Amino acid sequence: MLHVNRMTWRTRARLLFNALLAALAVFLTYVMYYIAVQIYYEKNDLNDKFIRSVMTTVELHESGLMVDKRGLSSVEVTPFLTQKKSLKVYKDVGEWQLIVGELHAKKRLWGELTYSVEEQGPYRTAKKGTLMFCILRFWMVGRLQTPLIRMVQ
């Protein structure tokens, strides 16, 4: 008869406890690393430099688009040190400023700045021949005295 070495429940519980402690240690190390990265980027003004470069790039390269500078909150910094930010962009239409979309910007650690503008808004999506298109066309030509949209948020 073969004698099989069997693990007792006490040993199994101890191994499970050690595995859970190791997972907790890895998680706490990750949290401390992420907090340190956030503090470093905030203290060295890297987030502010990123936002300024995004706003300057978009306003210089996109025709007539301006970045909404109100409510500039913190930049998202991923664990792989990629900075990400979403901002509203608007255009001047007459004397009004209409939000026309959202800007998604991203910069990797040693990479270049990339961005995309997702256009949205009621006058961008109005199809020719619809009532909204006629109203917006009438308003944009300047014949309408009262504004339909001051600031779409």
Foldseek 3Di string as FASTA:
>chain_A
DDDDDDDDPVVVVVVVVVVVVVVVVVVVVLVVLQVVLQVVCVVVVVQVVVVVVVQVVCVVPPPQKGWDPPPDDTWDQDSQGKTWDKTWIWGDQPPATETFFIKIWIDGDPGDIDIDTDGDDQQVPDDPPDPSVVVVVCVSVPVDDDDPDRYDD
